[in-house]
PDB file of N, CA and C in Angstrom:
ATOM      1  N   MET A   1      89.999  -6.089 222.218  1.00  0.00           N
ATOM      2  CA  MET A   1      89.227  -5.697 223.159  1.00  0.00           C
ATOM      3  C   MET A   1      88.168  -4.936 222.935  1.00  0.00           C
ATOM      4  N   PRO A   2      86.844  -5.078 223.854  1.00  0.00           N
ATOM      5  CA  PRO A   2      85.837  -4.328 223.751  1.00  0.00           C
ATOM      6  C   PRO A   2      86.236  -2.871 224.189  1.00  0.00           C
ATOM      7  N   ALA A   3      85.499  -1.885 223.622  1.00  0.00           N
ATOM      8  CA  ALA A   3      85.587  -0.693 224.030  1.00  0.00           C
ATOM      9  C   ALA A   3      85.088   0.009 225.600  1.00  0.00           C
ATOM     10  N   GLY A   4      83.912  -1.201 225.688  1.00  0.00           N
ATOM     11  CA  GLY A   4      83.433  -0.982 227.121  1.00  0.00           C
ATOM     12  C   GLY A   4      82.243  -0.220 227.451  1.00  0.00           C
ATOM     13  N   TRP A   5      81.685   0.471 228.153  1.00  0.00           N
ATOM     14  CA  TRP A   5      80.555   1.157 228.203  1.00  0.00           C
ATOM     15  C   TRP A   5      80.989   2.483 227.891  1.00  0.00           C
ATOM     16  N   GLY A   6      79.877   3.137 227.751  1.00  0.00           N
ATOM     17  CA  GLY A   6      80.172   4.732 227.698  1.00  0.00           C
ATOM     18  C   GLY A   6      79.728   5.200 226.663  1.00  0.00           C
ATOM     19  N   TYR A   7      80.400   6.291 225.610  1.00  0.00           N
ATOM     20  CA  TYR A   7      79.895   6.415 224.406  1.00  0.00           C
ATOM     21  C   TYR A   7      80.666   6.846 223.658  1.00  0.00           C
ATOM     22  N   SER A   8      80.699   7.072 222.373  1.00  0.00           N
ATOM     23  CA  SER A   8      81.418   7.198 221.363  1.00  0.00           C
ATOM     24  C   SER A   8      82.203   8.599 221.266  1.00  0.00           C
ATOM     25  N   TYR A   9      83.111   8.723 221.343  1.00  0.00           N
ATOM     26  CA  TYR A   9      84.033  10.216 221.288  1.00  0.00           C
ATOM     27  C   TYR A   9      84.070  10.823 220.300  1.00  0.00           C
ATOM     28  N   LEU A  10      84.054  10.131 219.419  1.00  0.00           N
ATOM     29  CA  LEU A  10      83.411  11.021 217.638  1.00  0.00           C
ATOM     30  C   LEU A  10      82.087  11.351 217.436  1.00  0.00           C
ATOM     31  N   ASP A  11      81.228  10.842 218.231  1.00  0.00           N
ATOM     32  CA  ASP A  11      79.644  11.157 217.933  1.00  0.00           C
ATOM     33  C   ASP A  11      79.373  12.732 218.734  1.00  0.00           C
ATOM     34  N   TRP A  12      80.108  13.089 219.986  1.00  0.00           N
ATOM     35  CA  TRP A  12      79.836  14.182 220.452  1.00  0.00           C
ATOM     36  C   TRP A  12      81.111  15.503 220.182  1.00  0.00           C
ATOM     37  N   MET A  13      82.060  14.797 219.407  1.00  0.00           N
ATOM     38  CA  MET A  13      83.464  15.803 218.928  1.00  0.00           C
ATOM     39  C   MET A  13      82.911  16.226 217.786  1.00  0.00           C
ATOM     40  N   GLY A  14      82.373  15.497 216.824  1.00  0.00           N
ATOM     41  CA  GLY A  14      81.775  15.898 215.541  1.00  0.00           C
ATOM     42  C   GLY A  14      80.643  17.527 215.609  1.00  0.00           C
ATOM     43  N   ALA A  15      79.792  16.788 216.388  1.00  0.00           N
ATOM     44  CA  ALA A  15      78.827  18.036 217.151  1.00  0.00           C
ATOM     45  C   ALA A  15      79.294  19.176 217.715  1.00  0.00           C
ATOM     46  N   TYR A  16      80.280  18.963 218.201  1.00  0.00           N
ATOM     47  CA  TYR A  16      81.356  20.086 219.293  1.00  0.00           C
ATOM     48  C   TYR A  16      82.028  20.986 217.839  1.00  0.00           C
ATOM     49  N   SER A  17      82.613  20.376 217.311  1.00  0.00           N
ATOM     50  CA  SER A  17      83.203  20.836 216.184  1.00  0.00           C
ATOM     51  C   SER A  17      82.770  21.849 215.221  1.00  0.00           C
ATOM     52  N   PHE A  18      81.195  21.063 214.782  1.00  0.00           N
ATOM     53  CA  PHE A  18      80.646  21.773 214.058  1.00  0.00           C
ATOM     54  C   PHE A  18      79.889  23.103 214.899  1.00  0.00           C
ATOM     55  N   ALA A  19      79.570  22.873 216.071  1.00  0.00           N
ATOM     56  CA  ALA A  19      78.888  24.097 216.769  1.00  0.00           C
ATOM     57  C   ALA A  19      80.381  25.093 216.986  1.00  0.00           C
ATOM     58  N   LEU A  20      81.371  24.867 217.082  1.00  0.00           N
ATOM     59  CA  LEU A  20      82.660  25.606 217.347  1.00  0.00           C
ATOM     60  C   LEU A  20      82.626  26.288 215.765  1.00  0.00           C
ATOM     61  N   ALA A  21      82.529  25.833 214.678  1.00  0.00           N
ATOM     62  CA  ALA A  21      82.861  26.306 213.389  1.00  0.00           C
ATOM     63  C   ALA A  21      81.684  27.127 212.982  1.00  0.00           C
ATOM     64  N   MET A  22      80.380  27.254 213.500  1.00  0.00           N
ATOM     65  CA  MET A  22      78.909  27.933 213.245  1.00  0.00           C
ATOM     66  C   MET A  22      79.673  29.162 214.205  1.00  0.00           C
ATOM     67  N   LEU A  23      79.844  29.198 215.599  1.00  0.00           N
ATOM     68  CA  LEU A  23      80.035  29.957 216.419  1.00  0.00           C
ATOM     69  C   LEU A  23      81.172  30.872 215.973  1.00  0.00           C
ATOM     70  N   SER A  24      82.226  30.214 215.247  1.00  0.00           N
ATOM     71  CA  SER A  24      83.356  31.143 215.225  1.00  0.00           C
ATOM     72  C   SER A  24      82.751  32.144 213.918  1.00  0.00           C
ATOM     73  N   ALA A  25      82.289  31.520 212.844  1.00  0.00           N
ATOM     74  CA  ALA A  25      81.706  32.233 211.477  1.00  0.00           C
ATOM     75  C   ALA A  25      80.790  33.319 212.374  1.00  0.00           C
ATOM     76  N   LEU A  26      79.815  32.969 213.006  1.00  0.00           N
ATOM     77  CA  LEU A  26      79.147  34.361 213.648  1.00  0.00           C
ATOM     78  C   LEU A  26      79.955  35.197 214.392  1.00  0.00           C
ATOM     79  N   PHE A  27      80.860  35.064 215.117  1.00  0.00           N
ATOM     80  CA  PHE A  27      81.829  36.242 215.914  1.00  0.00           C
ATOM     81  C   PHE A  27      82.445  36.569 214.718  1.00  0.00           C
ATOM     82  N   HIS A  28      83.381  36.088 213.677  1.00  0.00           N
ATOM     83  CA  HIS A  28      83.856  36.724 212.320  1.00  0.00           C
ATOM     84  C   HIS A  28      82.918  37.929 212.163  1.00  0.00           C
ATOM     85  N   ARG A  29      81.727  37.561 211.423  1.00  0.00           N
ATOM     86  CA  ARG A  29      80.539  38.385 210.765  1.00  0.00           C
ATOM     87  C   ARG A  29      79.934  39.297 212.007  1.00  0.00           C
ATOM     88  N   ALA A  30      80.118  39.581 213.351  1.00  0.00           N
ATOM     89  CA  ALA A  30      79.892  40.355 214.402  1.00  0.00           C
ATOM     90  C   ALA A  30      80.559  41.321 214.216  1.00  0.00           C
ATOM     91  N   ARG A  31      82.178  40.637 214.356  1.00  0.00           N
ATOM     92  CA  ARG A  31      83.287  41.371 214.557  1.00  0.00           C
ATOM     93  C   ARG A  31      83.708  42.458 213.543  1.00  0.00           C
ATOM     94  N   THR A  32      83.703  41.739 212.176  1.00  0.00           N
ATOM     95  CA  THR A  32      84.063  42.532 211.167  1.00  0.00           C
ATOM     96  C   THR A  32      82.942  42.901 210.288  1.00  0.00           C
ATOM     97  N   GLY A  33      81.612  42.375 210.440  1.00  0.00           N
ATOM     98  CA  GLY A  33      80.513  43.007 209.507  1.00  0.00           C
ATOM     99  C   GLY A  33      80.474  42.439 208.081  1.00  0.00           C
ATOM    100  N   GLU A  34      82.076  41.243 207.787  1.00  0.00           N
ATOM    101  CA  GLU A  34      81.689  40.316 206.769  1.00  0.00           C
ATOM    102  C   GLU A  34      80.861  38.832 206.957  1.00  0.00           C
ATOM    103  N   GLY A  35      80.616  38.566 206.085  1.00  0.00           N
ATOM    104  CA  GLY A  35      79.827  37.292 205.875  1.00  0.00           C
ATOM    105  C   GLY A  35      80.669  36.489 205.168  1.00  0.00           C
ATOM    106  N   GLN A  36      80.848  35.423 205.449  1.00  0.00           N
ATOM    107  CA  GLN A  36      81.525  34.168 204.537  1.00  0.00           C
ATOM    108  C   GLN A  36      80.687  32.970 204.691  1.00  0.00           C
ATOM    109  N   PRO A  37      81.072  32.109 203.773  1.00  0.00           N
ATOM    110  CA  PRO A  37      80.045  30.766 203.879  1.00  0.00           C
ATOM    111  C   PRO A  37      81.027  30.093 204.772  1.00  0.00           C
ATOM    112  N   PHE A  38      80.475  29.141 205.471  1.00  0.00           N
ATOM    113  CA  PHE A  38      81.486  28.419 206.360  1.00  0.00           C
ATOM    114  C   PHE A  38      80.960  26.969 206.414  1.00  0.00           C
ATOM    115  N   PHE A  39      79.880  26.237 205.648  1.00  0.00           N
ATOM    116  CA  PHE A  39      79.820  25.318 205.630  1.00  0.00           C
ATOM    117  C   PHE A  39      78.930  24.831 204.510  1.00  0.00           C
ATOM    118  N   ALA A  40      78.816  23.808 203.791  1.00  0.00           N
ATOM    119  CA  ALA A  40      78.457  22.988 202.511  1.00  0.00           C
ATOM    120  C   ALA A  40      77.403  22.261 202.864  1.00  0.00           C
ATOM    121  N   LEU A  41      76.315  22.035 202.231  1.00  0.00           N
ATOM    122  CA  LEU A  41      75.615  20.665 202.361  1.00  0.00           C
ATOM    123  C   LEU A  41      76.087  19.507 201.039  1.00  0.00           C
ATOM    124  N   ASN A  42      76.256  18.467 201.199  1.00  0.00           N
ATOM    125  CA  ASN A  42      76.905  17.518 200.058  1.00  0.00           C
ATOM    126  C   ASN A  42      76.168  16.297 200.281  1.00  0.00           C
ATOM    127  N   GLY A  43      74.859  16.200 199.802  1.00  0.00           N
ATOM    128  CA  GLY A  43      73.825  15.294 200.212  1.00  0.00           C
ATOM    129  C   GLY A  43      73.523  15.151 201.581  1.00  0.00           C
ATOM    130  N   ILE A  44      74.393  14.050 202.445  1.00  0.00           N
ATOM    131  CA  ILE A  44      73.920  14.212 203.703  1.00  0.00           C
ATOM    132  C   ILE A  44      75.347  14.092 204.624  1.00  0.00           C
ATOM    133  N   GLN A  45      76.301  14.743 203.801  1.00  0.00           N
ATOM    134  CA  GLN A  45      77.414  15.590 204.635  1.00  0.00           C
ATOM    135  C   GLN A  45      77.381  16.924 204.691  1.00  0.00           C
ATOM    136  N   THR A  46      77.675  17.279 205.768  1.00  0.00           N
ATOM    137  CA  THR A  46      78.164  18.858 206.298  1.00  0.00           C
ATOM    138  C   THR A  46      79.332  19.216 206.013  1.00  0.00           C
ATOM    139  N   GLN A  47      79.891  19.835 205.011  1.00  0.00           N
ATOM    140  CA  GLN A  47      81.440  19.926 204.884  1.00  0.00           C
ATOM    141  C   GLN A  47      81.791  21.479 204.847  1.00  0.00           C
ATOM    142  N   SER A  48      83.116  21.841 204.845  1.00  0.00           N
ATOM    143  CA  SER A  48      83.378  23.038 205.135  1.00  0.00           C
ATOM    144  C   SER A  48      83.146  23.722 203.737  1.00  0.00           C
ATOM    145  N   ALA A  49      82.933  25.197 203.515  1.00  0.00           N
ATOM    146  CA  ALA A  49      82.681  25.672 202.510  1.00  0.00           C
ATOM    147  C   ALA A  49      83.627  25.646 201.529  1.00  0.00           C
ATOM    148  N   SER A  50      84.846  25.995 201.937  1.00  0.00           N
ATOM    149  CA  SER A  50      86.136  25.852 201.218  1.00  0.00           C
ATOM    150  C   SER A  50      86.678  24.191 201.144  1.00  0.00           C
ATOM    151  N   CYS A  51      87.342  24.519 199.626  1.00  0.00           N
ATOM    152  CA  CYS A  51      87.776  23.190 199.573  1.00  0.00           C
ATOM    153  C   CYS A  51      89.329  23.097 199.845  1.00  0.00           C
ATOM    154  N   LEU A  52      89.886  22.215 200.790  1.00  0.00           N
ATOM    155  CA  LEU A  52      91.303  21.884 201.377  1.00  0.00           C
ATOM    156  C   LEU A  52      92.196  21.766 199.922  1.00  0.00           C
ATOM    157  N   ASP A  53      93.062  22.440 199.660  1.00  0.00           N
ATOM    158  CA  ASP A  53      93.776  22.281 198.650  1.00  0.00           C
ATOM    159  C   ASP A  53      95.348  22.292 199.104  1.00  0.00           C
ATOM    160  N   LEU A  54      95.991  21.136 198.933  1.00  0.00           N
ATOM    161  CA  LEU A  54      97.261  20.621 199.361  1.00  0.00           C
ATOM    162  C   LEU A  54      98.230  20.301 198.276  1.00  0.00           C
ATOM    163  N   CYS A  55      97.924  20.531 196.770  1.00  0.00           N
ATOM    164  CA  CYS A  55      98.160  19.802 195.659  1.00  0.00           C
ATOM    165  C   CYS A  55      99.727  20.530 195.744  1.00  0.00           C
ATOM    166  N   ALA A  56     100.244  21.292 196.229  1.00  0.00           N
ATOM    167  CA  ALA A  56     101.505  22.332 195.997  1.00  0.00           C
ATOM    168  C   ALA A  56     102.066  21.871 196.757  1.00  0.00           C
ATOM    169  N   HIS A  57     101.899  20.886 198.237  1.00  0.00           N
ATOM    170  CA  HIS A  57     102.544  20.301 199.083  1.00  0.00           C
ATOM    171  C   HIS A  57     102.385  18.601 199.082  1.00  0.00           C
ATOM    172  N   LEU A  58     102.016  18.062 197.755  1.00  0.00           N
ATOM    173  CA  LEU A  58     102.270  16.738 197.747  1.00  0.00           C
ATOM    174  C   LEU A  58     103.541  16.221 198.104  1.00  0.00           C
ATOM    175  N   PRO A  59     104.630  16.777 197.271  1.00  0.00           N
ATOM    176  CA  PRO A  59     106.173  16.076 197.531  1.00  0.00           C
ATOM    177  C   PRO A  59     106.624  15.954 199.509  1.00  0.00           C
ATOM    178  N   GLU A  60     106.075  17.228 199.788  1.00  0.00           N
ATOM    179  CA  GLU A  60     106.253  17.474 201.338  1.00  0.00           C
ATOM    180  C   GLU A  60     105.593  16.265 201.857  1.00  0.00           C
ATOM    181  N   ILE A  61     104.035  16.364 201.772  1.00  0.00           N
ATOM    182  CA  ILE A  61     103.612  14.993 202.024  1.00  0.00           C
ATOM    183  C   ILE A  61     103.888  13.585 202.181  1.00  0.00           C
ATOM    184  N   GLN A  62     104.211  13.240 200.865  1.00  0.00           N
ATOM    185  CA  GLN A  62     105.162  12.052 200.542  1.00  0.00           C
ATOM    186  C   GLN A  62     106.156  12.047 201.327  1.00  0.00           C
ATOM    187  N   ALA A  63     106.760  12.576 201.043  1.00  0.00           N
ATOM    188  CA  ALA A  63     108.300  12.817 202.326  1.00  0.00           C
ATOM    189  C   ALA A  63     107.768  12.379 203.542  1.00  0.00           C
ATOM    190  N   MET A  64     106.673  12.798 204.532  1.00  0.00           N
ATOM    191  CA  MET A  64     106.504  12.246 205.480  1.00  0.00           C
ATOM    192  C   MET A  64     106.080  11.120 205.661  1.00  0.00           C
ATOM    193  N   GLY A  65     105.788  10.175 204.415  1.00  0.00           N
ATOM    194  CA  GLY A  65     105.110   8.794 204.190  1.00  0.00           C
ATOM    195  C   GLY A  65     104.155   8.816 204.112  1.00  0.00           C
ATOM    196  N   VAL A  66     103.119   9.668 203.938  1.00  0.00           N
ATOM    197  CA  VAL A  66     102.272   9.708 203.862  1.00  0.00           C
ATOM    198  C   VAL A  66     101.569   8.917 202.379  1.00  0.00           C
ATOM    199  N   ASP A  67     100.664   7.736 201.947  1.00  0.00           N
ATOM    200  CA  ASP A  67     100.733   7.307 200.767  1.00  0.00           C
ATOM    201  C   ASP A  67      99.546   7.270 200.355  1.00  0.00           C
ATOM    202  N   VAL A  68      98.497   7.688 201.151  1.00  0.00           N
ATOM    203  CA  VAL A  68      97.034   7.782 200.982  1.00  0.00           C
ATOM    204  C   VAL A  68      96.550   9.114 200.963  1.00  0.00           C
ATOM    205  N   VAL A  69      95.770   9.565 200.245  1.00  0.00           N
ATOM    206  CA  VAL A  69      95.096  11.171 200.163  1.00  0.00           C
ATOM    207  C   VAL A  69      93.757  10.870 199.942  1.00  0.00           C
ATOM    208  N   ARG A  70      92.761  11.574 200.873  1.00  0.00           N
ATOM    209  CA  ARG A  70      91.651  11.662 200.291  1.00  0.00           C
ATOM    210  C   ARG A  70      90.736  12.791 199.571  1.00  0.00           C
ATOM    211  N   VAL A  71      90.194  12.277 198.525  1.00  0.00           N
ATOM    212  CA  VAL A  71      89.584  13.334 197.665  1.00  0.00           C
ATOM    213  C   VAL A  71      88.228  13.249 197.360  1.00  0.00           C
ATOM    214  N   SER A  72      87.425  14.228 198.211  1.00  0.00           N
ATOM    215  CA  SER A  72      86.018  14.716 198.505  1.00  0.00           C
ATOM    216  C   SER A  72      85.398  14.655 196.789  1.00  0.00           C
ATOM    217  N   PRO A  73      84.303  13.758 196.714  1.00  0.00           N
ATOM    218  CA  PRO A  73      83.726  13.681 195.329  1.00  0.00           C
ATOM    219  C   PRO A  73      83.168  15.145 195.005  1.00  0.00           C
ATOM    220  N   HIS A  74      82.887  15.345 194.160  1.00  0.00           N
ATOM    221  CA  HIS A  74      82.117  16.684 193.419  1.00  0.00           C
ATOM    222  C   HIS A  74      82.002  16.407 192.194  1.00  0.00           C
ATOM    223  N   ALA A  75      80.488  17.223 191.672  1.00  0.00           N
ATOM    224  CA  ALA A  75      79.769  16.730 190.455  1.00  0.00           C
ATOM    225  C   ALA A  75      80.794  17.328 189.693  1.00  0.00           C
ATOM    226  N   VAL A  76      81.909  17.853 189.509  1.00  0.00           N
ATOM    227  CA  VAL A  76      82.344  18.656 188.161  1.00  0.00           C
ATOM    228  C   VAL A  76      84.030  18.437 188.807  1.00  0.00           C
ATOM    229  N   GLY A  77      85.076  17.763 187.792  1.00  0.00           N
ATOM    230  CA  GLY A  77      85.985  17.521 188.278  1.00  0.00           C
ATOM    231  C   GLY A  77      87.002  16.791 188.952  1.00  0.00           C
ATOM    232  N   THR A  78      85.988  15.874 189.392  1.00  0.00           N
ATOM    233  CA  THR A  78      86.851  14.734 190.578  1.00  0.00           C
ATOM    234  C   THR A  78      87.900  13.993 189.748  1.00  0.00           C
ATOM    235  N   LEU A  79      87.109  13.287 188.609  1.00  0.00           N
ATOM    236  CA  LEU A  79      88.123  12.547 188.013  1.00  0.00           C
ATOM    237  C   LEU A  79      89.327  13.291 187.087  1.00  0.00           C
ATOM    238  N   ASP A  80      89.496  14.854 187.226  1.00  0.00           N
ATOM    239  CA  ASP A  80      90.488  15.474 186.647  1.00  0.00           C
ATOM    240  C   ASP A  80      91.853  15.371 187.810  1.00  0.00           C
ATOM    241  N   VAL A  81      91.293  15.654 189.008  1.00  0.00           N
ATOM    242  CA  VAL A  81      91.701  15.660 190.185  1.00  0.00           C
ATOM    243  C   VAL A  81      92.824  14.383 190.529  1.00  0.00           C
ATOM    244  N   ILE A  82      91.683  13.093 190.446  1.00  0.00           N
ATOM    245  CA  ILE A  82      92.344  12.006 190.610  1.00  0.00           C
ATOM    246  C   ILE A  82      93.615  11.782 189.546  1.00  0.00           C
ATOM    247  N   ALA A  83      93.295  12.094 188.436  1.00  0.00           N
ATOM    248  CA  ALA A  83      94.303  11.775 187.664  1.00  0.00           C
ATOM    249  C   ALA A  83      95.577  12.514 187.525  1.00  0.00           C
ATOM    250  N   LEU A  84      95.194  13.659 188.067  1.00  0.00           N
ATOM    251  CA  LEU A  84      96.615  14.417 188.638  1.00  0.00           C
ATOM    252  C   LEU A  84      97.155  13.958 189.819  1.00  0.00           C
ATOM    253  N   LEU A  85      96.787  13.739 191.169  1.00  0.00           N
ATOM    254  CA  LEU A  85      96.831  13.121 192.134  1.00  0.00           C
ATOM    255  C   LEU A  85      97.782  11.926 191.987  1.00  0.00           C
ATOM    256  N   ASP A  86      97.106  11.127 190.970  1.00  0.00           N
ATOM    257  CA  ASP A  86      97.937   9.847 190.616  1.00  0.00           C
ATOM    258  C   ASP A  86      99.077   9.983 189.653  1.00  0.00           C
ATOM    259  N   ALA A  87      99.310  10.900 188.852  1.00  0.00           N
ATOM    260  CA  ALA A  87     100.256  11.280 187.910  1.00  0.00           C
ATOM    261  C   ALA A  87     101.723  11.664 188.912  1.00  0.00           C
ATOM    262  N   VAL A  88     101.202  12.584 190.012  1.00  0.00           N
ATOM    263  CA  VAL A  88     102.301  12.976 191.405  1.00  0.00           C
ATOM    264  C   VAL A  88     102.794  11.837 191.960  1.00  0.00           C
ATOM    265  N   ARG A  89     101.938  10.879 192.218  1.00  0.00           N
ATOM    266  CA  ARG A  89     102.028   9.884 192.983  1.00  0.00           C
ATOM    267  C   ARG A  89     102.980   8.589 192.409  1.00  0.00           C
ATOM    268  N   HIS A  90     103.049   8.865 191.102  1.00  0.00           N
ATOM    269  CA  HIS A  90     103.511   7.878 190.265  1.00  0.00           C
ATOM    270  C   HIS A  90     104.934   8.488 189.771  1.00  0.00           C
ATOM    271  N   GLY A  91     105.673  10.144 190.217  1.00  0.00           N
ATOM    272  CA  GLY A  91     106.627  10.388 189.571  1.00  0.00           C
ATOM    273  C   GLY A  91     106.160  10.919 188.296  1.00  0.00           C
ATOM    274  N   ARG A  92     104.973  10.859 187.482  1.00  0.00           N
ATOM    275  CA  ARG A  92     105.147  11.447 186.092  1.00  0.00           C
ATOM    276  C   ARG A  92     105.015  13.033 185.965  1.00  0.00           C
ATOM    277  N   THR A  93     104.637  13.542 187.015  1.00  0.00           N
ATOM    278  CA  THR A  93     104.579  15.287 187.224  1.00  0.00           C
ATOM    279  C   THR A  93     105.073  15.424 188.337  1.00  0.00           C
ATOM    280  N   GLY A  94     105.449  16.775 188.709  1.00  0.00           N
ATOM    281  CA  GLY A  94     106.522  17.272 190.011  1.00  0.00           C
ATOM    282  C   GLY A  94     104.878  17.251 190.692  1.00  0.00           C
ATOM    283  N   ALA A  95     105.175  18.242 191.529  1.00  0.00           N
ATOM    284  CA  ALA A  95     103.825  19.056 192.432  1.00  0.00           C
ATOM    285  C   ALA A  95     102.548  19.477 191.348  1.00  0.00           C
ATOM    286  N   ALA A  96     101.126  19.209 191.941  1.00  0.00           N
ATOM    287  CA  ALA A  96     100.134  19.624 191.004  1.00  0.00           C
ATOM    288  C   ALA A  96      99.908  20.959 191.597  1.00  0.00           C
ATOM    289  N   PRO A  97      99.360  21.222 190.453  1.00  0.00           N
ATOM    290  CA  PRO A  97      99.285  22.898 190.503  1.00  0.00           C
ATOM    291  C   PRO A  97      98.008  22.937 191.547  1.00  0.00           C
ATOM    292  N   SER A  98      98.222  24.129 192.553  1.00  0.00           N
ATOM    293  CA  SER A  98      96.942  24.204 193.225  1.00  0.00           C
ATOM    294  C   SER A  98      96.126  25.374 192.443  1.00  0.00           C
ATOM    295  N   GLY A  99      94.481  25.203 193.054  1.00  0.00           N
ATOM    296  CA  GLY A  99      93.575  25.930 192.325  1.00  0.00           C
ATOM    297  C   GLY A  99      92.717  24.877 191.633  1.00  0.00           C
ATOM    298  N   ILE A 100      92.713  23.772 192.232  1.00  0.00           N
ATOM    299  CA  ILE A 100      91.818  22.608 191.460  1.00  0.00           C
ATOM    300  C   ILE A 100      90.748  22.466 192.293  1.00  0.00           C
ATOM    301  N   VAL A 101      89.854  23.165 192.344  1.00  0.00           N
ATOM    302  CA  VAL A 101      88.864  23.326 192.989  1.00  0.00           C
ATOM    303  C   VAL A 101      87.139  23.258 192.601  1.00  0.00           C
ATOM    304  N   PRO A 102      85.963  22.950 193.028  1.00  0.00           N
ATOM    305  CA  PRO A 102      84.748  22.764 192.295  1.00  0.00           C
ATOM    306  C   PRO A 102      84.404  23.861 191.826  1.00  0.00           C
ATOM    307  N   ALA A 103      83.636  24.357 191.079  1.00  0.00           N
ATOM    308  CA  ALA A 103      83.406  25.455 190.527  1.00  0.00           C
ATOM    309  C   ALA A 103      82.148  26.023 191.473  1.00  0.00           C
ATOM    310  N   GLY A 104      82.210  27.392 191.804  1.00  0.00           N
ATOM    311  CA  GLY A 104      81.970  28.166 193.021  1.00  0.00           C
ATOM    312  C   GLY A 104      82.341  27.633 194.465  1.00  0.00           C
ATOM    313  N   ALA A 105      83.460  26.888 194.591  1.00  0.00           N
ATOM    314  CA  ALA A 105      84.023  27.050 195.899  1.00  0.00           C
ATOM    315  C   ALA A 105      85.448  27.546 195.659  1.00  0.00           C
ATOM    316  N   SER A 106      86.307  27.818 197.008  1.00  0.00           N
ATOM    317  CA  SER A 106      86.910  28.657 197.415  1.00  0.00           C
ATOM    318  C   SER A 106      88.432  27.498 197.525  1.00  0.00           C
ATOM    319  N   ALA A 107      89.228  27.583 197.481  1.00  0.00           N
ATOM    320  CA  ALA A 107      90.170  26.958 198.018  1.00  0.00           C
ATOM    321  C   ALA A 107      90.845  27.488 199.505  1.00  0.00           C
ATOM    322  N   SER A 108      91.411  26.536 200.353  1.00  0.00           N
ATOM    323  CA  SER A 108      91.739  27.038 201.158  1.00  0.00           C
ATOM    324  C   SER A 108      93.137  25.883 201.702  1.00  0.00           C
ATOM    325  N   ASN A 109      94.132  26.567 202.260  1.00  0.00           N
ATOM    326  CA  ASN A 109      95.298  25.589 203.198  1.00  0.00           C
ATOM    327  C   ASN A 109      95.947  26.459 204.309  1.00  0.00           C
ATOM    328  N   GLY A 110      95.115  27.188 205.045  1.00  0.00           N
ATOM    329  CA  GLY A 110      95.549  28.164 206.295  1.00  0.00           C
ATOM    330  C   GLY A 110      95.694  26.593 207.287  1.00  0.00           C
ATOM    331  N   TYR A 111      95.065  25.575 207.424  1.00  0.00           N
ATOM    332  CA  TYR A 111      95.504  24.938 208.476  1.00  0.00           C
ATOM    333  C   TYR A 111      96.836  23.970 208.457  1.00  0.00           C
ATOM    334  N   TRP A 112      97.181  23.968 207.283  1.00  0.00           N
ATOM    335  CA  TRP A 112      98.284  23.551 207.037  1.00  0.00           C
ATOM    336  C   TRP A 112      99.628  24.138 207.441  1.00  0.00           C
ATOM    337  N   THR A 113      99.211  25.809 206.971  1.00  0.00           N
ATOM    338  CA  THR A 113     100.462  26.658 206.924  1.00  0.00           C
ATOM    339  C   THR A 113     100.664  27.428 208.340  1.00  0.00           C
ATOM    340  N   GLY A 114      99.633  26.830 209.234  1.00  0.00           N
ATOM    341  CA  GLY A 114      99.419  27.502 210.350  1.00  0.00           C
ATOM    342  C   GLY A 114      98.832  28.766 210.769  1.00  0.00           C
ATOM    343  N   GLN A 115      97.765  28.850 209.392  1.00  0.00           N
ATOM    344  CA  GLN A 115      96.846  30.099 209.800  1.00  0.00           C
ATOM    345  C   GLN A 115      95.452  29.452 209.612  1.00  0.00           C
ATOM    346  N   PRO A 116      94.650  30.599 209.721  1.00  0.00           N
ATOM    347  CA  PRO A 116      93.261  29.917 209.948  1.00  0.00           C
ATOM    348  C   PRO A 116      92.740  28.961 208.846  1.00  0.00           C
ATOM    349  N   GLY A 117      92.222  27.931 209.336  1.00  0.00           N
ATOM    350  CA  GLY A 117      91.825  26.965 208.550  1.00  0.00           C
ATOM    351  C   GLY A 117      91.229  27.427 207.247  1.00  0.00           C
ATOM    352  N   ILE A 118      90.403  28.399 206.682  1.00  0.00           N
ATOM    353  CA  ILE A 118      89.472  28.781 205.883  1.00  0.00           C
ATOM    354  C   ILE A 118      90.272  29.787 204.968  1.00  0.00           C
ATOM    355  N   ALA A 119      91.729  30.122 205.119  1.00  0.00           N
ATOM    356  CA  ALA A 119      92.374  31.103 204.339  1.00  0.00           C
ATOM    357  C   ALA A 119      92.910  30.222 203.370  1.00  0.00           C
ATOM    358  N   TRP A 120      93.470  30.854 202.530  1.00  0.00           N
ATOM    359  CA  TRP A 120      94.296  30.479 201.249  1.00  0.00           C
ATOM    360  C   TRP A 120      95.608  31.451 201.132  1.00  0.00           C
ATOM    361  N   ILE A 121      96.652  30.856 201.651  1.00  0.00           N
ATOM    362  CA  ILE A 121      97.959  31.387 201.358  1.00  0.00           C
ATOM    363  C   ILE A 121      98.413  30.786 200.021  1.00  0.00           C
ATOM    364  N   ALA A 122      98.610  31.911 199.311  1.00  0.00           N
ATOM    365  CA  ALA A 122      99.131  32.111 197.837  1.00  0.00           C
ATOM    366  C   ALA A 122     100.727  31.626 198.190  1.00  0.00           C
ATOM    367  N   GLY A 123     101.345  30.830 197.543  1.00  0.00           N
ATOM    368  CA  GLY A 123     102.827  30.649 197.476  1.00  0.00           C
ATOM    369  C   GLY A 123     103.492  29.946 198.807  1.00  0.00           C
ATOM    370  N   ALA A 124     102.387  29.494 199.523  1.00  0.00           N
ATOM    371  CA  ALA A 124     102.936  28.936 200.692  1.00  0.00           C
ATOM    372  C   ALA A 124     104.171  27.808 200.538  1.00  0.00           C
ATOM    373  N   PRO A 125     105.256  28.090 201.246  1.00  0.00           N
ATOM    374  CA  PRO A 125     106.327  27.079 201.257  1.00  0.00           C
ATOM    375  C   PRO A 125     106.029  25.617 201.454  1.00  0.00           C
ATOM    376  N   ALA A 126     106.634  24.993 200.494  1.00  0.00           N
ATOM    377  CA  ALA A 126     106.448  23.605 200.811  1.00  0.00           C
ATOM    378  C   ALA A 126     106.940  22.886 201.416  1.00  0.00           C
TER     379      ALA A 126
END
């Protein structure tokens, strides 16, 4: 069935989310005096400056019925991450160790643990 006239929800939602991320970072800097990166440019994509790392949670994610995960490509280490995730998927190893992020990036898992998305919660319960 055709979507009909109007506009794409994702067109304005992407722009809204990006603007919200920028305003949140500016608010944080104004409130605390701290600066922190909040986005990175990767070719034509704008991505979070932190790398979402849910490796320690893979068994829990699989138990929820998820059988496909997305790996964002990076210049270094992408194939290692894919091999490790494949080993976990096929039961050749337990949970993948966290901390597999590209050089210069920081890991984040806050969104999964109910904390601010850019945060890293070490030892978060799986």
